[in-house]
Amino acid sequence: NLLDNHPPFQIDGNFGGAAGIMEMLVQDFREEVYLL
C-alpha cells in the first residue's frame, strides 16, 4: 500500500523518501539555491 516498512510499518521513510526526491531537484542554503 506504499507505506514505508522499517519493518514493521513506520511512516518516516515515506516522508524522508519524498524529501529526498525534492532534494535532488532543489537544495536551499538560504543565500544559495541549487537547481537539479
PDB file of all heavy atoms in Angstrom:
ATOM      1  N   ASN A   1       0.828  -1.213   0.000  1.00  0.00           N
ATOM      2  CA  ASN A   1       0.000   0.000   0.000  1.00  0.00           C
ATOM      3  C   ASN A   1       0.863   1.264   0.000  1.00  0.00           C
ATOM      4  O   ASN A   1       0.374   2.357   0.278  1.00  0.00           O
ATOM      5  CB  ASN A   1      -0.966  -0.001   1.193  1.00  0.00           C
ATOM      6  CG  ASN A   1      -0.253  -0.077   2.531  1.00  0.00           C
ATOM      7  OD1 ASN A   1       0.975  -0.065   2.598  1.00  0.00           O
ATOM      8  ND2 ASN A   1      -1.023  -0.161   3.608  1.00  0.00           N
ATOM      9  N   LEU A   2       2.134   1.101  -0.317  1.00  0.00           N
ATOM     10  CA  LEU A   2       3.131   2.170  -0.433  1.00  0.00           C
ATOM     11  C   LEU A   2       3.558   2.764   0.902  1.00  0.00           C
ATOM     12  O   LEU A   2       4.314   3.739   0.918  1.00  0.00           O
ATOM     13  CB  LEU A   2       2.667   3.297  -1.366  1.00  0.00           C
ATOM     14  CG  LEU A   2       2.838   3.075  -2.866  1.00  0.00           C
ATOM     15  CD1 LEU A   2       2.622   4.378  -3.626  1.00  0.00           C
ATOM     16  CD2 LEU A   2       4.190   2.486  -3.225  1.00  0.00           C
ATOM     17  N   LEU A   3       3.103   2.205   2.025  1.00  0.00           N
ATOM     18  CA  LEU A   3       3.604   2.672   3.313  1.00  0.00           C
ATOM     19  C   LEU A   3       5.002   2.116   3.539  1.00  0.00           C
ATOM     20  O   LEU A   3       5.337   1.016   3.111  1.00  0.00           O
ATOM     21  CB  LEU A   3       2.671   2.250   4.448  1.00  0.00           C
ATOM     22  CG  LEU A   3       1.311   2.954   4.482  1.00  0.00           C
ATOM     23  CD1 LEU A   3       0.461   2.409   5.628  1.00  0.00           C
ATOM     24  CD2 LEU A   3       1.459   4.468   4.606  1.00  0.00           C
ATOM     25  N   ASP A   4       5.810   2.893   4.240  1.00  0.00           N
ATOM     26  CA  ASP A   4       7.196   2.520   4.495  1.00  0.00           C
ATOM     27  C   ASP A   4       7.277   1.318   5.435  1.00  0.00           C
ATOM     28  O   ASP A   4       6.479   1.176   6.363  1.00  0.00           O
ATOM     29  CB  ASP A   4       7.931   3.711   5.114  1.00  0.00           C
ATOM     30  CG  ASP A   4       9.358   3.375   5.476  1.00  0.00           C
ATOM     31  OD1 ASP A   4      10.158   3.172   4.556  1.00  0.00           O
ATOM     32  OD2 ASP A   4       9.663   3.303   6.681  1.00  0.00           O
ATOM     33  N   ASN A   5       8.269   0.489   5.223  1.00  0.00           N
ATOM     34  CA  ASN A   5       8.459  -0.718   6.025  1.00  0.00           C
ATOM     35  C   ASN A   5       9.804  -0.642   6.717  1.00  0.00           C
ATOM     36  O   ASN A   5      10.847  -0.765   6.079  1.00  0.00           O
ATOM     37  CB  ASN A   5       8.396  -1.953   5.121  1.00  0.00           C
ATOM     38  CG  ASN A   5       8.225  -3.235   5.909  1.00  0.00           C
ATOM     39  OD1 ASN A   5       7.879  -3.205   7.088  1.00  0.00           O
ATOM     40  ND2 ASN A   5       8.451  -4.350   5.255  1.00  0.00           N
ATOM     41  N   HIS A   6       9.768  -0.450   8.056  1.00  0.00           N
ATOM     42  CA  HIS A   6      11.037  -0.370   8.807  1.00  0.00           C
ATOM     43  C   HIS A   6      11.853  -1.634   8.688  1.00  0.00           C
ATOM     44  O   HIS A   6      13.072  -1.493   8.404  1.00  0.00           O
ATOM     45  CB  HIS A   6      10.713  -0.041  10.276  1.00  0.00           C
ATOM     46  CG  HIS A   6      11.910   0.074  11.170  1.00  0.00           C
ATOM     47  ND1 HIS A   6      12.562  -1.017  11.663  1.00  0.00           N
ATOM     48  CD2 HIS A   6      12.596   1.148  11.645  1.00  0.00           C
ATOM     49  CE1 HIS A   6      13.578  -0.623  12.430  1.00  0.00           C
ATOM     50  NE2 HIS A   6      13.611   0.683  12.425  1.00  0.00           N
ATOM     51  N   PRO A   7      11.331  -2.866   8.877  1.00  0.00           N
ATOM     52  CA  PRO A   7       9.971  -3.236   9.285  1.00  0.00           C
ATOM     53  C   PRO A   7       9.798  -3.181  10.803  1.00  0.00           C
ATOM     54  O   PRO A   7      10.804  -3.231  11.497  1.00  0.00           O
ATOM     55  CB  PRO A   7       9.863  -4.678   8.774  1.00  0.00           C
ATOM     56  CG  PRO A   7      11.265  -5.201   8.817  1.00  0.00           C
ATOM     57  CD  PRO A   7      12.163  -4.040   8.527  1.00  0.00           C
ATOM     58  N   PRO A   8       8.538  -3.120  11.349  1.00  0.00           N
ATOM     59  CA  PRO A   8       7.266  -3.054  10.643  1.00  0.00           C
ATOM     60  C   PRO A   8       7.031  -1.649  10.074  1.00  0.00           C
ATOM     61  O   PRO A   8       7.967  -0.842  10.014  1.00  0.00           O
ATOM     62  CB  PRO A   8       6.250  -3.380  11.739  1.00  0.00           C
ATOM     63  CG  PRO A   8       6.879  -2.829  12.986  1.00  0.00           C
ATOM     64  CD  PRO A   8       8.351  -3.080  12.816  1.00  0.00           C
ATOM     65  N   PHE A   9       5.756  -1.397   9.686  1.00  0.00           N
ATOM     66  CA  PHE A   9       5.411  -0.086   9.129  1.00  0.00           C
ATOM     67  C   PHE A   9       5.846   1.030  10.054  1.00  0.00           C
ATOM     68  O   PHE A   9       5.608   1.014  11.249  1.00  0.00           O
ATOM     69  CB  PHE A   9       3.895  -0.003   8.894  1.00  0.00           C
ATOM     70  CG  PHE A   9       3.371   1.412   8.818  1.00  0.00           C
ATOM     71  CD1 PHE A   9       3.871   2.314   7.889  1.00  0.00           C
ATOM     72  CD2 PHE A   9       2.374   1.846   9.673  1.00  0.00           C
ATOM     73  CE1 PHE A   9       3.401   3.626   7.821  1.00  0.00           C
ATOM     74  CE2 PHE A   9       1.887   3.140   9.617  1.00  0.00           C
ATOM     75  CZ  PHE A   9       2.408   4.039   8.686  1.00  0.00           C
ATOM     76  N   GLN A  10       6.514   2.020   9.454  1.00  0.00           N
ATOM     77  CA  GLN A  10       6.919   3.234  10.154  1.00  0.00           C
ATOM     78  C   GLN A  10       6.924   4.340   9.111  1.00  0.00           C
ATOM     79  O   GLN A  10       7.582   4.218   8.086  1.00  0.00           O
ATOM     80  CB  GLN A  10       8.303   3.045  10.772  1.00  0.00           C
ATOM     81  CG  GLN A  10       8.643   4.037  11.858  1.00  0.00           C
ATOM     82  CD  GLN A  10       9.885   3.625  12.633  1.00  0.00           C
ATOM     83  OE1 GLN A  10       9.865   2.658  13.382  1.00  0.00           O
ATOM     84  NE2 GLN A  10      10.959   4.352  12.439  1.00  0.00           N
ATOM     85  N   ILE A  11       6.234   5.430   9.358  1.00  0.00           N
ATOM     86  CA  ILE A  11       5.912   6.380   8.289  1.00  0.00           C
ATOM     87  C   ILE A  11       7.054   7.313   7.917  1.00  0.00           C
ATOM     88  O   ILE A  11       7.037   7.941   6.857  1.00  0.00           O
ATOM     89  CB  ILE A  11       4.658   7.198   8.689  1.00  0.00           C
ATOM     90  CG1 ILE A  11       3.950   7.738   7.437  1.00  0.00           C
ATOM     91  CG2 ILE A  11       5.034   8.320   9.662  1.00  0.00           C
ATOM     92  CD1 ILE A  11       2.557   8.266   7.710  1.00  0.00           C
ATOM     93  N   ASP A  12       8.099   7.397   8.739  1.00  0.00           N
ATOM     94  CA  ASP A  12       9.184   8.342   8.473  1.00  0.00           C
ATOM     95  C   ASP A  12       9.850   8.113   7.124  1.00  0.00           C
ATOM     96  O   ASP A  12      10.283   9.060   6.463  1.00  0.00           O
ATOM     97  CB  ASP A  12      10.232   8.309   9.591  1.00  0.00           C
ATOM     98  CG  ASP A  12      10.523   6.903  10.083  1.00  0.00           C
ATOM     99  OD1 ASP A  12      10.206   5.924   9.372  1.00  0.00           O
ATOM    100  OD2 ASP A  12      11.062   6.765  11.199  1.00  0.00           O
ATOM    101  N   GLY A  13       9.938   6.853   6.678  1.00  0.00           N
ATOM    102  CA  GLY A  13      10.549   6.576   5.386  1.00  0.00           C
ATOM    103  C   GLY A  13       9.773   7.169   4.226  1.00  0.00           C
ATOM    104  O   GLY A  13      10.370   7.576   3.208  1.00  0.00           O
ATOM    105  N   ASN A  14       8.435   7.215   4.342  1.00  0.00           N
ATOM    106  CA  ASN A  14       7.639   7.875   3.301  1.00  0.00           C
ATOM    107  C   ASN A  14       7.995   9.350   3.190  1.00  0.00           C
ATOM    108  O   ASN A  14       8.207   9.884   2.092  1.00  0.00           O
ATOM    109  CB  ASN A  14       6.147   7.742   3.605  1.00  0.00           C
ATOM    110  CG  ASN A  14       5.604   6.354   3.352  1.00  0.00           C
ATOM    111  OD1 ASN A  14       5.447   5.567   4.280  1.00  0.00           O
ATOM    112  ND2 ASN A  14       5.324   6.040   2.102  1.00  0.00           N
ATOM    113  N   PHE A  15       8.041  10.016   4.342  1.00  0.00           N
ATOM    114  CA  PHE A  15       8.334  11.449   4.334  1.00  0.00           C
ATOM    115  C   PHE A  15       9.787  11.722   3.935  1.00  0.00           C
ATOM    116  O   PHE A  15      10.071  12.637   3.162  1.00  0.00           O
ATOM    117  CB  PHE A  15       8.041  12.044   5.707  1.00  0.00           C
ATOM    118  CG  PHE A  15       6.595  11.959   6.110  1.00  0.00           C
ATOM    119  CD1 PHE A  15       6.226  11.515   7.369  1.00  0.00           C
ATOM    120  CD2 PHE A  15       5.587  12.314   5.230  1.00  0.00           C
ATOM    121  CE1 PHE A  15       4.891  11.443   7.752  1.00  0.00           C
ATOM    122  CE2 PHE A  15       4.253  12.243   5.597  1.00  0.00           C
ATOM    123  CZ  PHE A  15       3.904  11.809   6.861  1.00  0.00           C
ATOM    124  N   GLY A  16      10.710  10.913   4.461  1.00  0.00           N
ATOM    125  CA  GLY A  16      12.114  11.096   4.114  1.00  0.00           C
ATOM    126  C   GLY A  16      12.391  10.797   2.656  1.00  0.00           C
ATOM    127  O   GLY A  16      13.198  11.480   2.010  1.00  0.00           O
ATOM    128  N   GLY A  17      11.716   9.766   2.111  1.00  0.00           N
ATOM    129  CA  GLY A  17      11.899   9.443   0.702  1.00  0.00           C
ATOM    130  C   GLY A  17      11.439  10.570  -0.202  1.00  0.00           C
ATOM    131  O   GLY A  17      12.108  10.924  -1.187  1.00  0.00           O
ATOM    132  N   ALA A  18      10.286  11.167   0.121  1.00  0.00           N
ATOM    133  CA  ALA A  18       9.784  12.297  -0.672  1.00  0.00           C
ATOM    134  C   ALA A  18      10.703  13.508  -0.535  1.00  0.00           C
ATOM    135  O   ALA A  18      10.955  14.225  -1.522  1.00  0.00           O
ATOM    136  CB  ALA A  18       8.365  12.647  -0.240  1.00  0.00           C
ATOM    137  N   ALA A  19      11.203  13.749   0.671  1.00  0.00           N
ATOM    138  CA  ALA A  19      12.154  14.853   0.857  1.00  0.00           C
ATOM    139  C   ALA A  19      13.405  14.617   0.023  1.00  0.00           C
ATOM    140  O   ALA A  19      13.986  15.563  -0.525  1.00  0.00           O
ATOM    141  CB  ALA A  19      12.513  14.990   2.335  1.00  0.00           C
ATOM    142  N   GLY A  20      13.816  13.344  -0.106  1.00  0.00           N
ATOM    143  CA  GLY A  20      14.975  13.012  -0.930  1.00  0.00           C
ATOM    144  C   GLY A  20      14.744  13.313  -2.394  1.00  0.00           C
ATOM    145  O   GLY A  20      15.649  13.804  -3.096  1.00  0.00           O
ATOM    146  N   ILE A  21      13.547  13.022  -2.895  1.00  0.00           N
ATOM    147  CA  ILE A  21      13.214  13.347  -4.290  1.00  0.00           C
ATOM    148  C   ILE A  21      13.319  14.852  -4.511  1.00  0.00           C
ATOM    149  O   ILE A  21      13.910  15.318  -5.495  1.00  0.00           O
ATOM    150  CB  ILE A  21      11.805  12.837  -4.636  1.00  0.00           C
ATOM    151  CG1 ILE A  21      11.765  11.306  -4.600  1.00  0.00           C
ATOM    152  CG2 ILE A  21      11.363  13.353  -6.000  1.00  0.00           C
ATOM    153  CD1 ILE A  21      10.363  10.720  -4.659  1.00  0.00           C
ATOM    154  N   MET A  22      12.755  15.627  -3.585  1.00  0.00           N
ATOM    155  CA  MET A  22      12.803  17.081  -3.726  1.00  0.00           C
ATOM    156  C   MET A  22      14.233  17.604  -3.603  1.00  0.00           C
ATOM    157  O   MET A  22      14.621  18.560  -4.291  1.00  0.00           O
ATOM    158  CB  MET A  22      11.894  17.732  -2.678  1.00  0.00           C
ATOM    159  CG  MET A  22      11.842  19.251  -2.733  1.00  0.00           C
ATOM    160  SD  MET A  22      11.413  19.923  -4.365  1.00  0.00           S
ATOM    161  CE  MET A  22       9.742  19.313  -4.555  1.00  0.00           C
ATOM    162  N   GLU A  23      15.045  16.973  -2.762  1.00  0.00           N
ATOM    163  CA  GLU A  23      16.425  17.435  -2.583  1.00  0.00           C
ATOM    164  C   GLU A  23      17.264  17.197  -3.834  1.00  0.00           C
ATOM    165  O   GLU A  23      18.238  17.925  -4.081  1.00  0.00           O
ATOM    166  CB  GLU A  23      17.055  16.744  -1.371  1.00  0.00           C
ATOM    167  CG  GLU A  23      18.265  17.445  -0.802  1.00  0.00           C
ATOM    168  CD  GLU A  23      17.944  18.785  -0.141  1.00  0.00           C
ATOM    169  OE1 GLU A  23      16.763  19.021   0.199  1.00  0.00           O
ATOM    170  OE2 GLU A  23      18.883  19.585   0.049  1.00  0.00           O
ATOM    171  N   MET A  24      16.912  16.194  -4.633  1.00  0.00           N
ATOM    172  CA  MET A  24      17.594  16.008  -5.917  1.00  0.00           C
ATOM    173  C   MET A  24      17.351  17.202  -6.836  1.00  0.00           C
ATOM    174  O   MET A  24      18.183  17.541  -7.671  1.00  0.00           O
ATOM    175  CB  MET A  24      17.086  14.743  -6.614  1.00  0.00           C
ATOM    176  CG  MET A  24      17.366  13.439  -5.908  1.00  0.00           C
ATOM    177  SD  MET A  24      16.700  12.073  -6.904  1.00  0.00           S
ATOM    178  CE  MET A  24      16.488  10.798  -5.663  1.00  0.00           C
ATOM    179  N   LEU A  25      16.200  17.839  -6.653  1.00  0.00           N
ATOM    180  CA  LEU A  25      15.769  18.908  -7.556  1.00  0.00           C
ATOM    181  C   LEU A  25      16.119  20.296  -7.047  1.00  0.00           C
ATOM    182  O   LEU A  25      16.465  21.173  -7.835  1.00  0.00           O
ATOM    183  CB  LEU A  25      14.256  18.818  -7.780  1.00  0.00           C
ATOM    184  CG  LEU A  25      13.712  17.466  -8.251  1.00  0.00           C
ATOM    185  CD1 LEU A  25      12.197  17.523  -8.366  1.00  0.00           C
ATOM    186  CD2 LEU A  25      14.349  17.050  -9.558  1.00  0.00           C
ATOM    187  N   VAL A  26      15.979  20.523  -5.731  1.00  0.00           N
ATOM    188  CA  VAL A  26      16.198  21.853  -5.158  1.00  0.00           C
ATOM    189  C   VAL A  26      16.947  21.708  -3.834  1.00  0.00           C
ATOM    190  O   VAL A  26      16.479  21.004  -2.932  1.00  0.00           O
ATOM    191  CB  VAL A  26      14.870  22.598  -4.902  1.00  0.00           C
ATOM    192  CG1 VAL A  26      15.153  24.000  -4.371  1.00  0.00           C
ATOM    193  CG2 VAL A  26      14.016  22.655  -6.147  1.00  0.00           C
ATOM    194  N   GLN A  27      18.085  22.368  -3.720  1.00  0.00           N
ATOM    195  CA  GLN A  27      18.823  22.412  -2.460  1.00  0.00           C
ATOM    196  C   GLN A  27      18.930  23.874  -2.028  1.00  0.00           C
ATOM    197  O   GLN A  27      19.460  24.707  -2.761  1.00  0.00           O
ATOM    198  CB  GLN A  27      20.201  21.773  -2.616  1.00  0.00           C
ATOM    199  CG  GLN A  27      20.107  20.285  -2.948  1.00  0.00           C
ATOM    200  CD  GLN A  27      21.437  19.606  -3.080  1.00  0.00           C
ATOM    201  OE1 GLN A  27      22.434  20.040  -2.493  1.00  0.00           O
ATOM    202  NE2 GLN A  27      21.484  18.517  -3.838  1.00  0.00           N
ATOM    203  N   ASP A  28      18.418  24.145  -0.823  1.00  0.00           N
ATOM    204  CA  ASP A  28      18.248  25.516  -0.353  1.00  0.00           C
ATOM    205  C   ASP A  28      19.206  25.794   0.800  1.00  0.00           C
ATOM    206  O   ASP A  28      19.051  25.246   1.896  1.00  0.00           O
ATOM    207  CB  ASP A  28      16.787  25.699   0.095  1.00  0.00           C
ATOM    208  CG  ASP A  28      16.482  27.112   0.545  1.00  0.00           C
ATOM    209  OD1 ASP A  28      17.371  27.975   0.469  1.00  0.00           O
ATOM    210  OD2 ASP A  28      15.335  27.350   0.980  1.00  0.00           O
ATOM    211  N   PHE A  29      20.206  26.624   0.549  1.00  0.00           N
ATOM    212  CA  PHE A  29      21.158  27.026   1.580  1.00  0.00           C
ATOM    213  C   PHE A  29      21.003  28.504   1.935  1.00  0.00           C
ATOM    214  O   PHE A  29      21.975  29.184   2.244  1.00  0.00           O
ATOM    215  CB  PHE A  29      22.588  26.726   1.128  1.00  0.00           C
ATOM    216  CG  PHE A  29      22.855  25.272   0.881  1.00  0.00           C
ATOM    217  CD1 PHE A  29      23.016  24.790  -0.401  1.00  0.00           C
ATOM    218  CD2 PHE A  29      22.900  24.376   1.938  1.00  0.00           C
ATOM    219  CE1 PHE A  29      23.256  23.452  -0.634  1.00  0.00           C
ATOM    220  CE2 PHE A  29      23.141  23.030   1.720  1.00  0.00           C
ATOM    221  CZ  PHE A  29      23.316  22.556   0.430  1.00  0.00           C
ATOM    222  N   ARG A  30      19.771  28.994   1.819  1.00  0.00           N
ATOM    223  CA  ARG A  30      19.408  30.366   2.143  1.00  0.00           C
ATOM    224  C   ARG A  30      19.992  31.361   1.152  1.00  0.00           C
ATOM    225  O   ARG A  30      19.274  31.887   0.317  1.00  0.00           O
ATOM    226  CB  ARG A  30      19.795  30.720   3.581  1.00  0.00           C
ATOM    227  CG  ARG A  30      19.130  29.829   4.627  1.00  0.00           C
ATOM    228  CD  ARG A  30      19.589  30.145   6.019  1.00  0.00           C
ATOM    229  NE  ARG A  30      19.167  31.462   6.457  1.00  0.00           N
ATOM    230  CZ  ARG A  30      19.576  32.041   7.563  1.00  0.00           C
ATOM    231  NH1 ARG A  30      20.438  31.420   8.353  1.00  0.00           N
ATOM    232  NH2 ARG A  30      19.134  33.239   7.906  1.00  0.00           N
ATOM    233  N   GLU A  31      21.284  31.616   1.217  1.00  0.00           N
ATOM    234  CA  GLU A  31      21.875  32.594   0.305  1.00  0.00           C
ATOM    235  C   GLU A  31      22.135  31.994  -1.077  1.00  0.00           C
ATOM    236  O   GLU A  31      22.302  32.722  -2.054  1.00  0.00           O
ATOM    237  CB  GLU A  31      23.182  33.148   0.891  1.00  0.00           C
ATOM    238  CG  GLU A  31      24.377  32.208   0.855  1.00  0.00           C
ATOM    239  CD  GLU A  31      24.362  31.104   1.903  1.00  0.00           C
ATOM    240  OE1 GLU A  31      23.440  31.104   2.751  1.00  0.00           O
ATOM    241  OE2 GLU A  31      25.272  30.254   1.881  1.00  0.00           O
ATOM    242  N   GLU A  32      22.181  30.671  -1.155  1.00  0.00           N
ATOM    243  CA  GLU A  32      22.410  29.975  -2.422  1.00  0.00           C
ATOM    244  C   GLU A  32      21.377  28.866  -2.592  1.00  0.00           C
ATOM    245  O   GLU A  32      21.058  28.155  -1.634  1.00  0.00           O
ATOM    246  CB  GLU A  32      23.812  29.363  -2.474  1.00  0.00           C
ATOM    247  CG  GLU A  32      24.938  30.375  -2.498  1.00  0.00           C
ATOM    248  CD  GLU A  32      26.306  29.711  -2.539  1.00  0.00           C
ATOM    249  OE1 GLU A  32      26.408  28.514  -2.178  1.00  0.00           O
ATOM    250  OE2 GLU A  32      27.267  30.391  -2.923  1.00  0.00           O
ATOM    251  N   VAL A  33      20.887  28.725  -3.814  1.00  0.00           N
ATOM    252  CA  VAL A  33      19.932  27.668  -4.139  1.00  0.00           C
ATOM    253  C   VAL A  33      20.436  26.941  -5.381  1.00  0.00           C
ATOM    254  O   VAL A  33      20.761  27.573  -6.397  1.00  0.00           O
ATOM    255  CB  VAL A  33      18.513  28.233  -4.391  1.00  0.00           C
ATOM    256  CG1 VAL A  33      17.584  27.146  -4.918  1.00  0.00           C
ATOM    257  CG2 VAL A  33      17.951  28.830  -3.099  1.00  0.00           C
ATOM    258  N   TYR A  34      20.510  25.608  -5.274  1.00  0.00           N
ATOM    259  CA  TYR A  34      20.969  24.775  -6.379  1.00  0.00           C
ATOM    260  C   TYR A  34      19.772  24.068  -7.001  1.00  0.00           C
ATOM    261  O   TYR A  34      19.049  23.334  -6.316  1.00  0.00           O
ATOM    262  CB  TYR A  34      21.980  23.739  -5.898  1.00  0.00           C
ATOM    263  CG  TYR A  34      23.297  24.319  -5.428  1.00  0.00           C
ATOM    264  CD1 TYR A  34      23.425  24.849  -4.138  1.00  0.00           C
ATOM    265  CD2 TYR A  34      24.408  24.336  -6.265  1.00  0.00           C
ATOM    266  CE1 TYR A  34      24.622  25.388  -3.704  1.00  0.00           C
ATOM    267  CE2 TYR A  34      25.617  24.873  -5.835  1.00  0.00           C
ATOM    268  CZ  TYR A  34      25.716  25.393  -4.556  1.00  0.00           C
ATOM    269  OH  TYR A  34      26.909  25.923  -4.136  1.00  0.00           O
ATOM    270  N   LEU A  35      19.559  24.259  -8.285  1.00  0.00           N
ATOM    271  CA  LEU A  35      18.510  23.567  -9.016  1.00  0.00           C
ATOM    272  C   LEU A  35      19.107  22.378  -9.753  1.00  0.00           C
ATOM    273  O   LEU A  35      20.166  22.494 -10.390  1.00  0.00           O
ATOM    274  CB  LEU A  35      17.837  24.511 -10.016  1.00  0.00           C
ATOM    275  CG  LEU A  35      17.238  25.798  -9.444  1.00  0.00           C
ATOM    276  CD1 LEU A  35      16.573  26.611 -10.560  1.00  0.00           C
ATOM    277  CD2 LEU A  35      16.238  25.498  -8.335  1.00  0.00           C
ATOM    278  N   LEU A  36      18.443  21.233  -9.659  1.00  0.00           N
ATOM    279  CA  LEU A  36      18.881  19.981 -10.295  1.00  0.00           C
ATOM    280  C   LEU A  36      20.293  19.603  -9.846  1.00  0.00           C
ATOM    281  O   LEU A  36      21.088  19.063 -10.625  1.00  0.00           O
ATOM    282  CB  LEU A  36      18.818  20.093 -11.816  1.00  0.00           C
ATOM    283  CG  LEU A  36      17.485  20.556 -12.421  1.00  0.00           C
ATOM    284  CD1 LEU A  36      17.554  20.472 -13.945  1.00  0.00           C
ATOM    285  CD2 LEU A  36      16.320  19.734 -11.898  1.00  0.00           C
TER     286      LEU A  36
END
